[in-house]
Amino acid sequence: MVEDSRKDFELLAAELRRSGFISKCLQVETEAEYVAQLKAKPDVILADYSLPAFDALGALQLMQEAGLDIPFIVLTGAVSEETVWNA
């Protein structure tokens, strides 16, 4: 999960576990951490739309450049769905 807020990460990870969707969830905040985790080929990527030094669109581009086909879900409370789709 590309997320800079530990509280938001823990809340979402707990909800995903409670719902039976995941058994392991890792938080990354920087591009370097993200690229390192891409090598492990995660099952799904959840990405906050905007972080101070990194964002979901950059994360998606890096995933595509790595030739990976992983489900990629953008999370945001700051922008509209239309903004994400039109980016």
N, C-alpha and C. Protein backbone atom coordinates (compact mmCIF):
# COMPACT_ATOMS: atom_id res chain seq x y z
N MET A 1 0.84 -1.16 0.00
CA MET A 1 0.00 0.00 0.00
C MET A 1 0.90 1.24 0.00
N VAL A 2 0.70 2.08 -1.00
CA VAL A 2 1.44 3.33 -1.09
C VAL A 2 0.63 4.36 -0.29
N GLU A 3 1.11 4.65 0.92
CA GLU A 3 0.34 5.50 1.85
C GLU A 3 1.31 6.17 2.82
N ASP A 4 1.16 7.48 3.01
CA ASP A 4 2.06 8.18 3.93
C ASP A 4 1.52 8.27 5.35
N SER A 5 0.25 8.04 5.55
CA SER A 5 -0.34 8.11 6.88
C SER A 5 -0.39 6.72 7.51
N ARG A 6 0.33 6.56 8.61
CA ARG A 6 0.33 5.27 9.30
C ARG A 6 -1.08 4.92 9.79
N LYS A 7 -1.80 5.92 10.28
CA LYS A 7 -3.16 5.70 10.77
C LYS A 7 -4.07 5.19 9.65
N ASP A 8 -4.02 5.84 8.48
CA ASP A 8 -4.85 5.41 7.34
C ASP A 8 -4.45 4.01 6.88
N PHE A 9 -3.15 3.74 6.84
CA PHE A 9 -2.67 2.41 6.46
C PHE A 9 -3.22 1.34 7.41
N GLU A 10 -3.08 1.57 8.70
CA GLU A 10 -3.52 0.59 9.68
C GLU A 10 -5.03 0.38 9.63
N LEU A 11 -5.78 1.44 9.43
CA LEU A 11 -7.23 1.34 9.33
C LEU A 11 -7.65 0.50 8.13
N LEU A 12 -7.08 0.79 6.98
CA LEU A 12 -7.43 0.05 5.77
C LEU A 12 -6.95 -1.40 5.84
N ALA A 13 -5.74 -1.62 6.33
CA ALA A 13 -5.21 -2.98 6.45
C ALA A 13 -6.08 -3.81 7.39
N ALA A 14 -6.50 -3.22 8.50
CA ALA A 14 -7.36 -3.94 9.45
C ALA A 14 -8.70 -4.30 8.81
N GLU A 15 -9.25 -3.38 8.05
CA GLU A 15 -10.54 -3.64 7.39
C GLU A 15 -10.40 -4.74 6.32
N LEU A 16 -9.30 -4.70 5.57
CA LEU A 16 -9.08 -5.74 4.55
C LEU A 16 -8.91 -7.11 5.20
N ARG A 17 -8.18 -7.17 6.30
CA ARG A 17 -8.01 -8.44 7.02
C ARG A 17 -9.34 -8.92 7.57
N ARG A 18 -10.10 -8.02 8.19
CA ARG A 18 -11.39 -8.38 8.77
C ARG A 18 -12.33 -8.94 7.70
N SER A 19 -12.21 -8.41 6.51
CA SER A 19 -13.07 -8.85 5.40
C SER A 19 -12.53 -10.11 4.71
N GLY A 20 -11.35 -10.57 5.14
CA GLY A 20 -10.79 -11.79 4.58
C GLY A 20 -10.05 -11.61 3.27
N PHE A 21 -9.72 -10.38 2.92
CA PHE A 21 -9.06 -10.14 1.64
C PHE A 21 -7.55 -10.31 1.66
N ILE A 22 -6.91 -10.04 2.79
CA ILE A 22 -5.46 -10.11 2.83
C ILE A 22 -4.96 -10.79 4.09
N SER A 23 -3.77 -11.31 4.00
CA SER A 23 -3.13 -11.85 5.19
C SER A 23 -1.89 -11.04 5.53
N LYS A 24 -1.34 -10.32 4.54
CA LYS A 24 -0.14 -9.52 4.75
C LYS A 24 -0.27 -8.23 3.95
N CYS A 25 0.06 -7.14 4.60
CA CYS A 25 -0.03 -5.84 3.95
C CYS A 25 1.19 -5.03 4.36
N LEU A 26 1.85 -4.42 3.39
CA LEU A 26 3.03 -3.59 3.66
C LEU A 26 2.77 -2.16 3.24
N GLN A 27 3.29 -1.23 4.02
CA GLN A 27 3.18 0.18 3.71
C GLN A 27 4.49 0.69 3.12
N VAL A 28 4.40 1.42 2.03
CA VAL A 28 5.55 2.12 1.47
C VAL A 28 5.18 3.59 1.31
N GLU A 29 6.16 4.46 1.53
CA GLU A 29 5.91 5.90 1.45
C GLU A 29 6.73 6.58 0.37
N THR A 30 7.79 5.93 -0.08
CA THR A 30 8.69 6.57 -1.05
C THR A 30 8.80 5.74 -2.31
N GLU A 31 9.28 6.37 -3.35
CA GLU A 31 9.49 5.69 -4.62
C GLU A 31 10.48 4.54 -4.46
N ALA A 32 11.55 4.75 -3.70
CA ALA A 32 12.56 3.70 -3.51
C ALA A 32 11.97 2.48 -2.81
N GLU A 33 11.17 2.72 -1.77
CA GLU A 33 10.52 1.60 -1.07
C GLU A 33 9.57 0.86 -2.00
N TYR A 34 8.84 1.61 -2.81
CA TYR A 34 7.88 1.04 -3.74
C TYR A 34 8.57 0.16 -4.78
N VAL A 35 9.63 0.69 -5.39
CA VAL A 35 10.36 -0.07 -6.41
C VAL A 35 10.91 -1.37 -5.81
N ALA A 36 11.41 -1.31 -4.59
CA ALA A 36 11.92 -2.52 -3.93
C ALA A 36 10.81 -3.54 -3.75
N GLN A 37 9.62 -3.10 -3.39
CA GLN A 37 8.51 -4.03 -3.18
C GLN A 37 7.94 -4.56 -4.50
N LEU A 38 8.08 -3.82 -5.59
CA LEU A 38 7.62 -4.32 -6.89
C LEU A 38 8.37 -5.59 -7.27
N LYS A 39 9.61 -5.70 -6.85
CA LYS A 39 10.40 -6.90 -7.17
C LYS A 39 9.79 -8.15 -6.56
N ALA A 40 9.04 -8.00 -5.48
CA ALA A 40 8.37 -9.14 -4.83
C ALA A 40 7.05 -9.49 -5.53
N LYS A 41 6.65 -8.69 -6.52
CA LYS A 41 5.42 -8.90 -7.29
C LYS A 41 4.20 -9.11 -6.38
N PRO A 42 3.74 -8.04 -5.75
CA PRO A 42 2.57 -8.15 -4.87
C PRO A 42 1.32 -8.56 -5.65
N ASP A 43 0.32 -9.06 -4.94
CA ASP A 43 -0.92 -9.49 -5.57
C ASP A 43 -1.80 -8.31 -6.00
N VAL A 44 -1.72 -7.23 -5.26
CA VAL A 44 -2.51 -6.03 -5.54
C VAL A 44 -1.77 -4.82 -4.96
N ILE A 45 -1.98 -3.67 -5.59
CA ILE A 45 -1.38 -2.43 -5.09
C ILE A 45 -2.50 -1.44 -4.83
N LEU A 46 -2.51 -0.90 -3.62
CA LEU A 46 -3.42 0.17 -3.24
C LEU A 46 -2.56 1.42 -3.09
N ALA A 47 -2.94 2.51 -3.74
CA ALA A 47 -2.09 3.70 -3.71
C ALA A 47 -2.90 4.95 -3.42
N ASP A 48 -2.44 5.71 -2.44
CA ASP A 48 -3.02 7.01 -2.16
C ASP A 48 -2.74 7.90 -3.38
N TYR A 49 -3.71 8.69 -3.78
CA TYR A 49 -3.55 9.49 -4.98
C TYR A 49 -2.41 10.49 -4.87
N SER A 50 -2.24 11.08 -3.69
CA SER A 50 -1.23 12.12 -3.55
C SER A 50 -0.49 11.99 -2.23
N LEU A 51 0.83 11.86 -2.33
CA LEU A 51 1.70 11.84 -1.16
C LEU A 51 2.68 13.00 -1.31
N PRO A 52 3.35 13.41 -0.23
CA PRO A 52 4.25 14.56 -0.32
C PRO A 52 5.35 14.43 -1.40
N ALA A 53 5.95 13.24 -1.52
CA ALA A 53 7.06 13.10 -2.46
C ALA A 53 6.81 12.06 -3.54
N PHE A 54 5.61 11.49 -3.59
CA PHE A 54 5.33 10.38 -4.49
C PHE A 54 3.82 10.31 -4.65
N ASP A 55 3.32 9.80 -5.77
CA ASP A 55 1.87 9.72 -5.95
C ASP A 55 1.46 8.47 -6.70
N ALA A 56 0.16 8.24 -6.75
CA ALA A 56 -0.38 7.04 -7.37
C ALA A 56 -0.05 6.96 -8.86
N LEU A 57 -0.09 8.08 -9.55
CA LEU A 57 0.19 8.05 -10.99
C LEU A 57 1.65 7.67 -11.26
N GLY A 58 2.55 8.17 -10.43
CA GLY A 58 3.95 7.78 -10.55
C GLY A 58 4.14 6.31 -10.23
N ALA A 59 3.43 5.83 -9.23
CA ALA A 59 3.52 4.41 -8.86
C ALA A 59 2.99 3.53 -9.99
N LEU A 60 1.88 3.93 -10.59
CA LEU A 60 1.32 3.17 -11.71
C LEU A 60 2.30 3.13 -12.87
N GLN A 61 2.90 4.26 -13.19
CA GLN A 61 3.85 4.31 -14.29
C GLN A 61 5.05 3.39 -14.03
N LEU A 62 5.58 3.41 -12.82
CA LEU A 62 6.71 2.54 -12.47
C LEU A 62 6.33 1.07 -12.59
N MET A 63 5.12 0.73 -12.17
CA MET A 63 4.66 -0.65 -12.28
C MET A 63 4.60 -1.07 -13.75
N GLN A 64 4.06 -0.21 -14.59
CA GLN A 64 3.95 -0.52 -16.01
C GLN A 64 5.33 -0.61 -16.66
N GLU A 65 6.24 0.29 -16.30
CA GLU A 65 7.60 0.25 -16.84
C GLU A 65 8.33 -1.02 -16.44
N ALA A 66 7.96 -1.58 -15.29
CA ALA A 66 8.57 -2.83 -14.83
C ALA A 66 7.96 -4.04 -15.54
N GLY A 67 6.95 -3.80 -16.39
CA GLY A 67 6.32 -4.88 -17.15
C GLY A 67 5.40 -5.74 -16.31
N LEU A 68 4.90 -5.20 -15.21
CA LEU A 68 4.04 -5.97 -14.32
C LEU A 68 2.57 -5.72 -14.63
N ASP A 69 1.76 -6.73 -14.45
CA ASP A 69 0.32 -6.64 -14.64
C ASP A 69 -0.32 -7.00 -13.31
N ILE A 70 -0.42 -6.01 -12.44
CA ILE A 70 -0.93 -6.20 -11.08
C ILE A 70 -2.14 -5.31 -10.91
N PRO A 71 -3.22 -5.79 -10.30
CA PRO A 71 -4.35 -4.90 -10.02
C PRO A 71 -3.87 -3.68 -9.23
N PHE A 72 -4.27 -2.49 -9.66
CA PHE A 72 -3.80 -1.24 -9.08
C PHE A 72 -5.02 -0.40 -8.73
N ILE A 73 -5.22 -0.13 -7.45
CA ILE A 73 -6.39 0.61 -6.97
C ILE A 73 -5.94 1.93 -6.37
N VAL A 74 -6.52 3.03 -6.86
CA VAL A 74 -6.20 4.35 -6.35
C VAL A 74 -7.20 4.72 -5.26
N LEU A 75 -6.66 5.18 -4.13
CA LEU A 75 -7.48 5.62 -3.00
C LEU A 75 -7.27 7.11 -2.81
N THR A 76 -8.35 7.83 -2.53
CA THR A 76 -8.20 9.25 -2.26
C THR A 76 -9.42 9.78 -1.52
N GLY A 77 -9.18 10.75 -0.72
CA GLY A 77 -10.26 11.48 -0.10
C GLY A 77 -10.17 12.94 -0.50
N ALA A 78 -9.20 13.25 -1.37
CA ALA A 78 -8.91 14.64 -1.69
C ALA A 78 -9.36 15.08 -3.07
N VAL A 79 -9.53 14.16 -4.01
CA VAL A 79 -9.92 14.54 -5.37
C VAL A 79 -11.08 13.68 -5.83
N SER A 80 -11.73 14.10 -6.89
CA SER A 80 -12.88 13.37 -7.41
C SER A 80 -12.45 12.15 -8.23
N GLU A 81 -13.38 11.24 -8.41
CA GLU A 81 -13.14 10.07 -9.24
C GLU A 81 -12.80 10.48 -10.66
N GLU A 82 -13.43 11.52 -11.16
CA GLU A 82 -13.20 12.00 -12.52
C GLU A 82 -11.74 12.46 -12.68
N THR A 83 -11.20 13.10 -11.66
CA THR A 83 -9.81 13.56 -11.71
C THR A 83 -8.87 12.39 -11.88
N VAL A 84 -9.11 11.32 -11.15
CA VAL A 84 -8.26 10.12 -11.22
C VAL A 84 -8.39 9.48 -12.60
N TRP A 85 -9.60 9.32 -13.10
CA TRP A 85 -9.80 8.67 -14.39
C TRP A 85 -9.23 9.47 -15.55
N ASN A 86 -9.22 10.79 -15.42
CA ASN A 86 -8.75 11.65 -16.50
C ASN A 86 -7.27 11.95 -16.43
N ALA A 87 -6.58 11.43 -15.42
CA ALA A 87 -5.14 11.71 -15.26
C ALA A 87 -4.32 10.88 -16.22
